[in-house]
C-alpha atoms as a PDB file:
ATOM      1  CA  MET A   1     126.841 126.305 105.607  1.00  0.00           C
ATOM      2  CA  LEU A   2     128.152 125.328 102.292  1.00  0.00           C
ATOM      3  CA  ARG A   3     130.203 128.640 102.379  1.00  0.00           C
ATOM      4  CA  SER A   4     131.556 127.920 105.824  1.00  0.00           C
ATOM      5  CA  GLY A   5     132.280 124.305 104.821  1.00  0.00           C
ATOM      6  CA  LEU A   6     134.157 125.400 101.784  1.00  0.00           C
ATOM      7  CA  TYR A   7     135.971 128.119 103.830  1.00  0.00           C
ATOM      8  CA  LEU A   8     136.857 125.331 106.190  1.00  0.00           C
ATOM      9  CA  ALA A   9     138.257 123.458 103.346  1.00  0.00           C
ATOM     10  CA  LEU A  10     140.126 126.013 102.433  1.00  0.00           C
ATOM     11  CA  ALA A  11     141.710 126.840 105.149  1.00  0.00           C
ATOM     12  CA  ALA A  12     142.570 123.588 105.670  1.00  0.00           C
ATOM     13  CA  LEU A  13     144.083 123.036 102.758  1.00  0.00           C
ATOM     14  CA  CYS A  14     146.333 126.539 103.086  1.00  0.00           C
ATOM     15  CA  LEU A  15     147.711 124.829 106.374  1.00  0.00           C
ATOM     16  CA  PHE A  16     148.575 121.546 104.765  1.00  0.00           C
ATOM     17  CA  GLY A  17     150.610 123.540 102.296  1.00  0.00           C
ATOM     18  CA  ARG A  18     152.150 125.463 104.445  1.00  0.00           C
ATOM     19  CA  GLN A  19     153.053 122.651 107.086  1.00  0.00           C
ATOM     20  CA  ALA A  20     154.276 120.475 103.821  1.00  0.00           C
ATOM     21  CA  GLN A  21     156.622 122.884 102.501  1.00  0.00           C
ATOM     22  CA  ALA A  22     158.384 123.752 106.456  1.00  0.00           C
ATOM     23  CA  ALA A  23     160.331 121.299 105.914  1.00  0.00           C
ATOM     24  CA  GLU A  24     163.742 122.502 106.555  1.00  0.00           C
ATOM     25  CA  LYS A  25     166.410 121.535 103.666  1.00  0.00           C
ATOM     26  CA  VAL A  26     169.487 120.210 105.497  1.00  0.00           C
ATOM     27  CA  THR A  27     172.598 118.854 103.348  1.00  0.00           C
ATOM     28  CA  TYR A  28     174.565 116.004 104.825  1.00  0.00           C
ATOM     29  CA  ALA A  29     177.910 114.471 103.596  1.00  0.00           C
ATOM     30  CA  VAL A  30     179.315 111.057 103.586  1.00  0.00           C
ATOM     31  CA  THR A  31     182.676 112.031 102.812  1.00  0.00           C
ATOM     32  CA  THR A  32     183.116 109.067 100.411  1.00  0.00           C
ATOM     33  CA  SER A  33     181.703 109.065  96.676  1.00  0.00           C
ATOM     34  CA  ASN A  34     180.801 105.098  97.277  1.00  0.00           C
ATOM     35  CA  ILE A  35     177.809 105.423  99.229  1.00  0.00           C
ATOM     36  CA  SER A  36     177.696 101.837  99.768  1.00  0.00           C
ATOM     37  CA  VAL A  37     175.293  99.601 101.758  1.00  0.00           C
ATOM     38  CA  GLY A  38     177.573 100.078 104.529  1.00  0.00           C
ATOM     39  CA  HIS A  39     176.621 103.654 104.795  1.00  0.00           C
ATOM     40  CA  ALA A  40     172.956 103.186 105.197  1.00  0.00           C
ATOM     41  CA  ALA A  41     172.380 104.606 108.576  1.00  0.00           C
ATOM     42  CA  GLN A  42     173.316 107.855 107.392  1.00  0.00           C
ATOM     43  CA  SER A  43     171.649 107.553 103.996  1.00  0.00           C
ATOM     44  CA  SER A  44     169.020 104.729 103.145  1.00  0.00           C
ATOM     45  CA  ILE A  45     167.843 104.145 106.089  1.00  0.00           C
ATOM     46  CA  PRO A  46     166.704 107.505 107.736  1.00  0.00           C
ATOM     47  CA  LEU A  47     165.393 108.405 104.409  1.00  0.00           C
ATOM     48  CA  THR A  48     162.975 105.655 103.619  1.00  0.00           C
ATOM     49  CA  GLU A  49     162.192 105.069 106.869  1.00  0.00           C
ATOM     50  CA  GLY A  50     161.412 109.114 107.668  1.00  0.00           C
ATOM     51  CA  TYR A  51     163.474 109.317 110.634  1.00  0.00           C
ATOM     52  CA  TRP A  52     164.225 112.912 109.390  1.00  0.00           C
ATOM     53  CA  LYS A  53     161.127 113.829 108.100  1.00  0.00           C
ATOM     54  CA  SER A  54     159.235 112.700 111.158  1.00  0.00           C
ATOM     55  CA  GLN A  55     161.181 115.396 112.916  1.00  0.00           C
ATOM     56  CA  GLY A  56     160.644 118.198 109.835  1.00  0.00           C
ATOM     57  CA  LEU A  57     163.673 117.595 107.697  1.00  0.00           C
ATOM     58  CA  ASP A  58     163.987 117.383 104.072  1.00  0.00           C
ATOM     59  CA  VAL A  59     167.543 115.617 104.067  1.00  0.00           C
ATOM     60  CA  GLU A  60     170.048 115.458 100.984  1.00  0.00           C
ATOM     61  CA  VAL A  61     172.956 113.017 101.513  1.00  0.00           C
ATOM     62  CA  ILE A  62     175.520 113.607  99.011  1.00  0.00           C
ATOM     63  CA  GLY A  63     179.174 111.822  98.630  1.00  0.00           C
ATOM     64  CA  LEU A  64     182.166 113.672  98.868  1.00  0.00           C
ATOM     65  CA  SER A  65     185.960 112.569  98.212  1.00  0.00           C
ATOM     66  CA  GLY A  66     187.611 112.188 101.761  1.00  0.00           C
ATOM     67  CA  ALA A  67     187.687 113.750 104.643  1.00  0.00           C
ATOM     68  CA  THR A  68     189.236 116.913 103.851  1.00  0.00           C
ATOM     69  CA  ALA A  69     186.878 117.584 101.682  1.00  0.00           C
ATOM     70  CA  GLY A  70     183.828 117.389 104.224  1.00  0.00           C
ATOM     71  CA  ILE A  71     185.467 119.162 106.663  1.00  0.00           C
ATOM     72  CA  GLN A  72     185.906 122.180 104.170  1.00  0.00           C
ATOM     73  CA  GLN A  73     182.412 122.160 102.981  1.00  0.00           C
ATOM     74  CA  VAL A  74     180.653 122.257 106.579  1.00  0.00           C
ATOM     75  CA  ALA A  75     183.404 125.337 107.456  1.00  0.00           C
ATOM     76  CA  SER A  76     181.763 126.961 104.339  1.00  0.00           C
ATOM     77  CA  GLY A  77     178.633 126.383 104.565  1.00  0.00           C
ATOM     78  CA  GLN A  78     178.132 124.360 101.563  1.00  0.00           C
ATOM     79  CA  VAL A  79     177.129 121.033 103.665  1.00  0.00           C
ATOM     80  CA  ASP A  80     175.516 121.528 107.147  1.00  0.00           C
ATOM     81  CA  PHE A  81     176.705 118.316 108.281  1.00  0.00           C
ATOM     82  CA  ALA A  82     179.437 115.152 107.477  1.00  0.00           C
ATOM     83  CA  THR A  83     180.849 112.361 109.062  1.00  0.00           C
ATOM     84  CA  VAL A  84     185.077 112.725 108.980  1.00  0.00           C
ATOM     85  CA  GLY A  85     187.874 111.192 110.793  1.00  0.00           C
ATOM     86  CA  PRO A  86     188.676 112.364 114.464  1.00  0.00           C
ATOM     87  CA  ASP A  87     192.335 112.686 113.473  1.00  0.00           C
ATOM     88  CA  ALA A  88     191.507 114.944 110.277  1.00  0.00           C
ATOM     89  CA  LEU A  89     188.825 117.197 112.250  1.00  0.00           C
ATOM     90  CA  LEU A  90     191.817 117.646 115.348  1.00  0.00           C
ATOM     91  CA  VAL A  91     194.236 119.048 112.370  1.00  0.00           C
ATOM     92  CA  ALA A  92     191.235 121.351 111.142  1.00  0.00           C
ATOM     93  CA  ARG A  93     191.126 122.295 115.159  1.00  0.00           C
ATOM     94  CA  ALA A  94     194.396 123.136 115.181  1.00  0.00           C
ATOM     95  CA  LYS A  95     194.232 125.473 112.037  1.00  0.00           C
ATOM     96  CA  GLY A  96     191.740 127.269 113.512  1.00  0.00           C
ATOM     97  CA  ILE A  97     188.607 125.950 111.519  1.00  0.00           C
ATOM     98  CA  LYS A  98     185.333 126.270 113.341  1.00  0.00           C
ATOM     99  CA  VAL A  99     183.851 122.845 113.692  1.00  0.00           C
ATOM    100  CA  LYS A 100     183.109 120.268 116.394  1.00  0.00           C
ATOM    101  CA  ALA A 101     182.335 116.694 116.335  1.00  0.00           C
ATOM    102  CA  VAL A 102     178.745 116.323 117.618  1.00  0.00           C
ATOM    103  CA  TYR A 103     178.255 112.534 117.695  1.00  0.00           C
ATOM    104  CA  THR A 104     180.546 109.840 117.079  1.00  0.00           C
ATOM    105  CA  TYR A 105     179.395 107.077 114.433  1.00  0.00           C
ATOM    106  CA  ALA A 106     181.809 104.545 114.303  1.00  0.00           C
ATOM    107  CA  ARG A 107     183.122 104.232 118.004  1.00  0.00           C
ATOM    108  CA  ARG A 108     186.638 102.200 116.694  1.00  0.00           C
ATOM    109  CA  SER A 109     189.103 103.014 114.066  1.00  0.00           C
ATOM    110  CA  ILE A 110     187.478 102.784 110.472  1.00  0.00           C
ATOM    111  CA  TYR A 111     190.770 102.638 108.750  1.00  0.00           C
ATOM    112  CA  ARG A 112     192.948  99.879 108.138  1.00  0.00           C
ATOM    113  CA  ILE A 113     196.157  98.753 106.680  1.00  0.00           C
ATOM    114  CA  VAL A 114     196.462  95.759 104.645  1.00  0.00           C
ATOM    115  CA  VAL A 115     198.622  93.969 102.369  1.00  0.00           C
ATOM    116  CA  PRO A 116     198.302  90.893 100.322  1.00  0.00           C
ATOM    117  CA  GLU A 117     198.313  87.580 102.701  1.00  0.00           C
ATOM    118  CA  GLY A 118     200.965  85.708 100.462  1.00  0.00           C
ATOM    119  CA  ASP A 119     203.561  88.487 100.957  1.00  0.00           C
ATOM    120  CA  GLY A 120     206.389  89.133 102.763  1.00  0.00           C
ATOM    121  CA  VAL A 121     205.147  92.258 104.810  1.00  0.00           C
ATOM    122  CA  LYS A 122     204.122  90.925 108.103  1.00  0.00           C
ATOM    123  CA  SER A 123     204.071  93.847 109.985  1.00  0.00           C
ATOM    124  CA  LEU A 124     203.954  97.732 110.126  1.00  0.00           C
ATOM    125  CA  ALA A 125     207.951  97.820 110.473  1.00  0.00           C
ATOM    126  CA  ASP A 126     208.088  95.439 107.444  1.00  0.00           C
ATOM    127  CA  MET A 127     206.812  98.548 105.147  1.00  0.00           C
ATOM    128  CA  LYS A 128     210.589 100.350 105.367  1.00  0.00           C
ATOM    129  CA  GLY A 129     211.019 101.276 101.670  1.00  0.00           C
ATOM    130  CA  LYS A 130     207.988  99.756 100.314  1.00  0.00           C
ATOM    131  CA  THR A 131     205.174 101.536  98.666  1.00  0.00           C
ATOM    132  CA  LEU A 132     201.934 102.289 100.420  1.00  0.00           C
ATOM    133  CA  GLY A 133     198.763 102.821  98.214  1.00  0.00           C
ATOM    134  CA  VAL A 134     196.010 105.109  99.323  1.00  0.00           C
ATOM    135  CA  PRO A 135     192.627 105.698  97.628  1.00  0.00           C
ATOM    136  CA  ASP A 136     194.037 109.537  97.592  1.00  0.00           C
ATOM    137  CA  MET A 137     196.221 111.993  99.265  1.00  0.00           C
ATOM    138  CA  SER A 138     193.341 113.933 100.924  1.00  0.00           C
ATOM    139  CA  ALA A 139     191.806 110.154 102.238  1.00  0.00           C
ATOM    140  CA  GLY A 140     191.431 109.928 105.722  1.00  0.00           C
ATOM    141  CA  SER A 141     193.412 106.821 105.942  1.00  0.00           C
ATOM    142  CA  VAL A 142     196.668 108.997 105.153  1.00  0.00           C
ATOM    143  CA  PRO A 143     196.942 110.520 108.335  1.00  0.00           C
ATOM    144  CA  TYR A 144     196.077 107.200 110.448  1.00  0.00           C
ATOM    145  CA  ALA A 145     198.914 105.742 108.627  1.00  0.00           C
ATOM    146  CA  ARG A 146     201.256 108.091 108.697  1.00  0.00           C
ATOM    147  CA  ALA A 147     200.838 107.675 112.685  1.00  0.00           C
ATOM    148  CA  ALA A 148     200.887 104.301 112.407  1.00  0.00           C
ATOM    149  CA  LEU A 149     204.231 103.885 110.382  1.00  0.00           C
ATOM    150  CA  SER A 150     205.856 106.231 112.787  1.00  0.00           C
ATOM    151  CA  ALA A 151     204.497 104.125 115.753  1.00  0.00           C
ATOM    152  CA  ALA A 152     206.153 100.961 114.499  1.00  0.00           C
ATOM    153  CA  GLY A 153     209.818 103.140 113.764  1.00  0.00           C
ATOM    154  CA  VAL A 154     208.956 103.628 109.912  1.00  0.00           C
ATOM    155  CA  ASP A 155     209.758 107.260 108.977  1.00  0.00           C
ATOM    156  CA  PRO A 156     206.520 108.031 107.145  1.00  0.00           C
ATOM    157  CA  ARG A 157     208.320 110.920 104.924  1.00  0.00           C
ATOM    158  CA  ASP A 158     210.816 108.618 103.825  1.00  0.00           C
ATOM    159  CA  GLY A 159     210.893 105.720 104.858  1.00  0.00           C
ATOM    160  CA  VAL A 160     207.861 104.479 102.640  1.00  0.00           C
ATOM    161  CA  LYS A 161     206.896 105.883  99.042  1.00  0.00           C
ATOM    162  CA  TRP A 162     203.197 107.039  98.889  1.00  0.00           C
ATOM    163  CA  LEU A 163     200.665 106.014  95.869  1.00  0.00           C
ATOM    164  CA  SER A 164     197.168 106.755  95.401  1.00  0.00           C
ATOM    165  CA  VAL A 165     195.544 103.911  93.630  1.00  0.00           C
ATOM    166  CA  GLY A 166     191.936 105.160  94.058  1.00  0.00           C
ATOM    167  CA  ILE A 167     189.353 102.401  95.301  1.00  0.00           C
ATOM    168  CA  GLY A 168     187.695  99.372  93.743  1.00  0.00           C
ATOM    169  CA  GLY A 169     189.128  98.618  90.661  1.00  0.00           C
ATOM    170  CA  GLN A 170     192.387 100.857  90.313  1.00  0.00           C
ATOM    171  CA  ALA A 171     193.160  99.647  93.644  1.00  0.00           C
ATOM    172  CA  ALA A 172     192.907  95.769  92.895  1.00  0.00           C
ATOM    173  CA  ASN A 173     194.717  96.406  89.573  1.00  0.00           C
ATOM    174  CA  ALA A 174     197.336  98.195  91.495  1.00  0.00           C
ATOM    175  CA  LEU A 175     197.777  95.120  94.448  1.00  0.00           C
ATOM    176  CA  ARG A 176     197.557  92.975  91.722  1.00  0.00           C
ATOM    177  CA  GLN A 177     200.280  94.551  89.450  1.00  0.00           C
ATOM    178  CA  ARG A 178     202.584  94.882  92.419  1.00  0.00           C
ATOM    179  CA  GLN A 179     202.135  98.968  92.214  1.00  0.00           C
ATOM    180  CA  VAL A 180     201.833  98.793  95.856  1.00  0.00           C
ATOM    181  CA  ASP A 181     202.968  96.294  98.797  1.00  0.00           C
ATOM    182  CA  GLY A 182     200.043  97.597 100.743  1.00  0.00           C
ATOM    183  CA  TRP A 183     196.785  99.544 100.847  1.00  0.00           C
ATOM    184  CA  ALA A 184     195.529 101.950 103.892  1.00  0.00           C
ATOM    185  CA  ALA A 185     191.692 102.411 103.169  1.00  0.00           C
ATOM    186  CA  TRP A 186     189.128 101.966 105.082  1.00  0.00           C
ATOM    187  CA  ASP A 187     186.690  98.944 106.174  1.00  0.00           C
ATOM    188  CA  THR A 188     183.966  98.930 103.758  1.00  0.00           C
ATOM    189  CA  VAL A 189     186.259  99.463 100.390  1.00  0.00           C
ATOM    190  CA  ILE A 190     188.508  96.502 102.441  1.00  0.00           C
ATOM    191  CA  ALA A 191     185.620  94.531 102.358  1.00  0.00           C
ATOM    192  CA  SER A 192     184.683  95.059  99.055  1.00  0.00           C
ATOM    193  CA  LEU A 193     187.989  93.945  97.443  1.00  0.00           C
ATOM    194  CA  GLU A 194     187.945  91.037 100.105  1.00  0.00           C
ATOM    195  CA  ASN A 195     184.653  90.033  98.513  1.00  0.00           C
ATOM    196  CA  ASN A 196     186.759  89.996  94.834  1.00  0.00           C
ATOM    197  CA  GLY A 197     189.080  87.121  95.959  1.00  0.00           C
ATOM    198  CA  PHE A 198     191.641  89.326  98.104  1.00  0.00           C
ATOM    199  CA  LYS A 199     193.337  87.719 101.084  1.00  0.00           C
ATOM    200  CA  PHE A 200     194.546  90.361 103.280  1.00  0.00           C
ATOM    201  CA  ARG A 201     197.128  90.303 106.002  1.00  0.00           C
ATOM    202  CA  TYR A 202     195.717  93.361 108.445  1.00  0.00           C
ATOM    203  CA  ILE A 203     198.688  95.084 110.412  1.00  0.00           C
ATOM    204  CA  ASP A 204     197.571  97.552 112.152  1.00  0.00           C
ATOM    205  CA  PRO A 205     199.023  99.493 114.987  1.00  0.00           C
ATOM    206  CA  PRO A 206     198.267  98.119 118.932  1.00  0.00           C
ATOM    207  CA  TRP A 207     195.914 101.123 119.611  1.00  0.00           C
ATOM    208  CA  VAL A 208     193.379 100.662 116.238  1.00  0.00           C
ATOM    209  CA  ASP A 209     190.922  99.916 118.373  1.00  0.00           C
ATOM    210  CA  GLU A 210     191.552 102.691 121.415  1.00  0.00           C
ATOM    211  CA  ILE A 211     190.770 105.799 119.311  1.00  0.00           C
ATOM    212  CA  PRO A 212     187.204 106.861 117.711  1.00  0.00           C
ATOM    213  CA  GLY A 213     186.407 105.996 114.418  1.00  0.00           C
ATOM    214  CA  ASN A 214     184.095 107.939 112.693  1.00  0.00           C
ATOM    215  CA  VAL A 215     182.073 111.305 113.580  1.00  0.00           C
ATOM    216  CA  MET A 216     179.411 113.605 112.595  1.00  0.00           C
ATOM    217  CA  ILE A 217     180.668 117.340 112.389  1.00  0.00           C
ATOM    218  CA  ALA A 218     178.825 120.426 112.267  1.00  0.00           C
ATOM    219  CA  ARG A 219     179.858 124.101 112.384  1.00  0.00           C
ATOM    220  CA  GLU A 220     180.052 126.025 115.483  1.00  0.00           C
ATOM    221  CA  ASP A 221     177.575 128.337 114.577  1.00  0.00           C
ATOM    222  CA  THR A 222     175.135 125.544 113.988  1.00  0.00           C
ATOM    223  CA  ILE A 223     175.790 124.176 117.200  1.00  0.00           C
ATOM    224  CA  GLU A 224     175.185 127.607 118.961  1.00  0.00           C
ATOM    225  CA  LYS A 225     172.499 128.990 116.954  1.00  0.00           C
ATOM    226  CA  ARG A 226     170.266 125.471 116.165  1.00  0.00           C
ATOM    227  CA  PRO A 227     170.759 122.699 118.503  1.00  0.00           C
ATOM    228  CA  ASP A 228     167.274 121.172 117.587  1.00  0.00           C
ATOM    229  CA  LEU A 229     168.369 120.997 114.332  1.00  0.00           C
ATOM    230  CA  VAL A 230     172.067 119.117 115.553  1.00  0.00           C
ATOM    231  CA  VAL A 231     169.780 116.685 117.749  1.00  0.00           C
ATOM    232  CA  LYS A 232     167.052 116.196 114.778  1.00  0.00           C
ATOM    233  CA  VAL A 233     169.976 115.146 112.403  1.00  0.00           C
ATOM    234  CA  ALA A 234     171.877 112.804 114.862  1.00  0.00           C
ATOM    235  CA  ARG A 235     168.820 111.496 116.449  1.00  0.00           C
ATOM    236  CA  GLY A 236     167.730 110.144 112.629  1.00  0.00           C
ATOM    237  CA  ILE A 237     171.145 108.485 112.479  1.00  0.00           C
ATOM    238  CA  ALA A 238     171.256 106.771 116.373  1.00  0.00           C
ATOM    239  CA  GLU A 239     167.233 105.343 115.406  1.00  0.00           C
ATOM    240  CA  SER A 240     168.801 104.154 112.198  1.00  0.00           C
ATOM    241  CA  SER A 241     171.676 102.232 113.404  1.00  0.00           C
ATOM    242  CA  VAL A 242     169.470 100.653 115.696  1.00  0.00           C
ATOM    243  CA  PHE A 243     167.162  99.832 112.326  1.00  0.00           C
ATOM    244  CA  GLY A 244     169.984  98.467 110.840  1.00  0.00           C
ATOM    245  CA  LEU A 245     171.341  96.083 113.558  1.00  0.00           C
ATOM    246  CA  ALA A 246     168.167  94.913 114.026  1.00  0.00           C
ATOM    247  CA  ASN A 247     167.486  93.847 110.291  1.00  0.00           C
ATOM    248  CA  PRO A 248     170.891  93.801 108.504  1.00  0.00           C
ATOM    249  CA  ASP A 249     169.211  91.941 105.335  1.00  0.00           C
ATOM    250  CA  GLY A 250     166.404  94.089 104.983  1.00  0.00           C
ATOM    251  CA  ALA A 251     168.812  97.475 105.259  1.00  0.00           C
ATOM    252  CA  LEU A 252     170.629  96.132 102.976  1.00  0.00           C
ATOM    253  CA  ARG A 253     168.056  94.932 100.138  1.00  0.00           C
ATOM    254  CA  ASN A 254     166.216  98.598 101.192  1.00  0.00           C
ATOM    255  CA  HIS A 255     169.676 100.169 100.048  1.00  0.00           C
ATOM    256  CA  TRP A 256     169.699  98.663  96.996  1.00  0.00           C
ATOM    257  CA  ARG A 257     166.093  99.884  96.160  1.00  0.00           C
ATOM    258  CA  MET A 258     167.429 103.763  96.889  1.00  0.00           C
ATOM    259  CA  TYR A 259     170.739 103.130  95.310  1.00  0.00           C
ATOM    260  CA  PRO A 260     170.393 100.617  92.597  1.00  0.00           C
ATOM    261  CA  ASP A 261     174.019 101.095  91.580  1.00  0.00           C
ATOM    262  CA  THR A 262     175.513  99.750  94.388  1.00  0.00           C
ATOM    263  CA  LYS A 263     173.282  96.424  93.783  1.00  0.00           C
ATOM    264  CA  PRO A 264     174.828  93.399  92.077  1.00  0.00           C
ATOM    265  CA  ALA A 265     174.564  92.551  88.245  1.00  0.00           C
ATOM    266  CA  THR A 266     173.871  88.765  89.997  1.00  0.00           C
ATOM    267  CA  GLN A 267     171.922  88.312  93.066  1.00  0.00           C
ATOM    268  CA  ASN A 268     172.277  85.030  94.459  1.00  0.00           C
ATOM    269  CA  ASP A 269     173.401  83.478  97.943  1.00  0.00           C
ATOM    270  CA  GLU A 270     177.255  84.059  97.518  1.00  0.00           C
ATOM    271  CA  SER A 271     176.683  88.010  96.222  1.00  0.00           C
ATOM    272  CA  PHE A 272     173.872  88.439  99.223  1.00  0.00           C
ATOM    273  CA  ARG A 273     177.237  87.349 101.427  1.00  0.00           C
ATOM    274  CA  GLN A 274     179.436  89.630  99.901  1.00  0.00           C
ATOM    275  CA  ALA A 275     176.999  92.706 100.418  1.00  0.00           C
ATOM    276  CA  ARG A 276     176.821  91.325 103.848  1.00  0.00           C
ATOM    277  CA  HIS A 277     180.294  91.378 104.365  1.00  0.00           C
ATOM    278  CA  ILE A 278     180.329  94.895 103.559  1.00  0.00           C
ATOM    279  CA  PHE A 279     177.423  96.092 105.205  1.00  0.00           C
ATOM    280  CA  ASP A 280     179.115  94.270 108.692  1.00  0.00           C
ATOM    281  CA  SER A 281     182.090  95.809 107.901  1.00  0.00           C
ATOM    282  CA  ARG A 282     181.027  99.216 109.316  1.00  0.00           C
ATOM    283  CA  PHE A 283     177.598  98.431 111.177  1.00  0.00           C
ATOM    284  CA  LYS A 284     179.559  96.196 113.995  1.00  0.00           C
ATOM    285  CA  LEU A 285     181.802  99.299 114.616  1.00  0.00           C
ATOM    286  CA  THR A 286     178.532 101.445 115.493  1.00  0.00           C
ATOM    287  CA  GLN A 287     177.320  99.275 117.939  1.00  0.00           C
ATOM    288  CA  ILE A 288     177.701 100.867 120.965  1.00  0.00           C
ATOM    289  CA  GLU A 289     179.254  99.181 124.415  1.00  0.00           C
ATOM    290  CA  PRO A 290     177.621  98.714 127.614  1.00  0.00           C
ATOM    291  CA  GLY A 291     176.521 101.719 129.544  1.00  0.00           C
ATOM    292  CA  VAL A 292     177.553 104.156 126.407  1.00  0.00           C
ATOM    293  CA  ARG A 293     174.353 106.343 124.364  1.00  0.00           C
ATOM    294  CA  TRP A 294     174.420 106.431 120.696  1.00  0.00           C
ATOM    295  CA  GLY A 295     176.787 109.367 119.525  1.00  0.00           C
ATOM    296  CA  GLU A 296     178.546 109.554 122.848  1.00  0.00           C
ATOM    297  CA  ASN A 297     182.265 110.671 122.495  1.00  0.00           C
ATOM    298  CA  ILE A 298     184.435 108.900 125.000  1.00  0.00           C
ATOM    299  CA  PRO A 299     187.077 111.911 126.350  1.00  0.00           C
ATOM    300  CA  ALA A 300     189.535 108.559 126.649  1.00  0.00           C
ATOM    301  CA  GLN A 301     189.451 108.068 122.901  1.00  0.00           C
ATOM    302  CA  TRP A 302     189.675 110.888 122.586  1.00  0.00           C
ATOM    303  CA  LYS A 303     192.446 111.827 124.598  1.00  0.00           C
ATOM    304  CA  ARG A 304     194.161 108.973 122.616  1.00  0.00           C
ATOM    305  CA  MET A 305     193.140 109.933 119.115  1.00  0.00           C
ATOM    306  CA  ALA A 306     195.316 113.772 120.400  1.00  0.00           C
ATOM    307  CA  ASP A 307     198.169 111.882 121.828  1.00  0.00           C
ATOM    308  CA  ILE A 308     198.938 110.342 118.148  1.00  0.00           C
ATOM    309  CA  SER A 309     198.401 113.552 116.262  1.00  0.00           C
ATOM    310  CA  ILE A 310     200.829 115.497 118.770  1.00  0.00           C
ATOM    311  CA  GLU A 311     203.387 112.506 118.123  1.00  0.00           C
ATOM    312  CA  GLU A 312     202.770 112.822 114.782  1.00  0.00           C
ATOM    313  CA  GLY A 313     203.662 116.939 114.522  1.00  0.00           C
ATOM    314  CA  LEU A 314     199.824 117.368 113.118  1.00  0.00           C
ATOM    315  CA  ILE A 315     198.891 119.528 115.960  1.00  0.00           C
ATOM    316  CA  PRO A 316     200.590 121.470 118.750  1.00  0.00           C
ATOM    317  CA  LYS A 317     200.994 120.023 122.250  1.00  0.00           C
ATOM    318  CA  ASN A 318     199.091 122.376 124.059  1.00  0.00           C
ATOM    319  CA  PHE A 319     196.001 121.573 122.042  1.00  0.00           C
ATOM    320  CA  ASP A 320     192.600 121.602 123.588  1.00  0.00           C
ATOM    321  CA  VAL A 321     191.212 118.060 122.660  1.00  0.00           C
ATOM    322  CA  GLY A 322     188.041 118.739 124.506  1.00  0.00           C
ATOM    323  CA  ALA A 323     186.865 121.404 122.483  1.00  0.00           C
ATOM    324  CA  ALA A 324     186.804 119.326 119.558  1.00  0.00           C
ATOM    325  CA  TYR A 325     184.037 117.528 120.198  1.00  0.00           C
ATOM    326  CA  THR A 326     180.985 117.928 122.947  1.00  0.00           C
ATOM    327  CA  ASN A 327     178.496 116.145 124.597  1.00  0.00           C
ATOM    328  CA  GLN A 328     175.748 118.215 125.052  1.00  0.00           C
ATOM    329  CA  PHE A 329     173.304 116.444 122.449  1.00  0.00           C
ATOM    330  CA  ILE A 330     174.068 113.140 124.019  1.00  0.00           C
ATOM    331  CA  PRO A 331     170.775 113.087 126.289  1.00  0.00           C
ATOM    332  CA  GLU A 332     167.872 114.181 123.596  1.00  0.00           C
ATOM    333  CA  ILE A 333     169.588 112.489 120.664  1.00  0.00           C
ATOM    334  CA  ASN A 334     168.563 109.207 122.946  1.00  0.00           C
ATOM    335  CA  ALA A 335     165.351 110.353 123.422  1.00  0.00           C
ATOM    336  CA  PHE A 336     163.688 107.517 121.589  1.00  0.00           C
ATOM    337  CA  ASP A 337     162.437 104.348 121.939  1.00  0.00           C
ATOM    338  CA  GLN A 338     164.583 101.689 120.885  1.00  0.00           C
ATOM    339  CA  GLY A 339     162.845  98.578 121.607  1.00  0.00           C
ATOM    340  CA  LYS A 340     160.171 100.251 119.334  1.00  0.00           C
ATOM    341  CA  ILE A 341     162.345 100.711 116.583  1.00  0.00           C
ATOM    342  CA  GLU A 342     163.998  97.092 116.727  1.00  0.00           C
ATOM    343  CA  ALA A 343     160.696  95.903 116.888  1.00  0.00           C
ATOM    344  CA  ALA A 344     159.442  97.724 113.429  1.00  0.00           C
ATOM    345  CA  ALA A 345     162.879  96.443 112.511  1.00  0.00           C
ATOM    346  CA  LYS A 346     162.351  93.276 112.724  1.00  0.00           C
ATOM    347  CA  SER A 347     158.713  93.228 111.713  1.00  0.00           C
ATOM    348  CA  SER A 348     159.671  95.429 107.961  1.00  0.00           C
ATOM    349  CA  ASN A 349     158.790  94.031 104.641  1.00  0.00           C
ATOM    350  CA  TRP A 350     162.176  95.445 102.985  1.00  0.00           C
END
């Protein structure tokens, strides 16, 4: 009996070892080097709450500089999934790159164009002959800004000057020293400068809320051969979005623990308010509309994005926008108990 029990114990240990080793390694890229609290649903929440781990995944979250880098890394197989701007994805598809959107993360554009509130620039048309700063020329805010300027009658090629000014302190210095008249960037980094005292006027085109803002992409062969993997990764993000919206303060504190570099040096009510401003700038865009499921791609938004890109000459007139995204995984991605996650979030000790 003793020997039999020993064999059973050893067998159980071996089985446990195999199960522990069975976690599938996945690389997920957030296409910014600044993984701030606004990106918690794609990083700290699914990792610490175990949404990916519970599905047998060992996910490494990395930061990449720009949508172009994200698309290239996914296309080459160096990264399994990434979130990018839909405009950059359409351009990549037009070039024959076999990647596709499987999940819309931000429901409206994350890109915005801002100018100092007290300056004379009050509209996109006023940017003619001015200098527009961008994080870098590969950033997703660049094609957005080109289309926005063109729609306002400003030639994006020779009607404005372009200057790479980075984000954070670099961008702040460029704005303070009047090296640039405006800045085309994304929600979380703009919110960060607002926290540092900048008062901005937003000068966006009328269609800013008519296009998808940020999408998760995968290679076509991954979509075809590993649909289960697509569902698991995307479902973890959907669950994390629910958690973050239900308990933003807790999600914020948890993100600081996982990414201590994002934690303010001085912690008080004001620093917490500022962190919430960054958090809310992105999470408010993830909130789904009534009747829409988590991650669902809306054809009208994609068509609007394609029409804008065609007008700019970024993609051909006969471009098949429907081939750039899929909703085939949306029912399975949404196969979770949202109420249960909301309750867990509200009772979390984060």
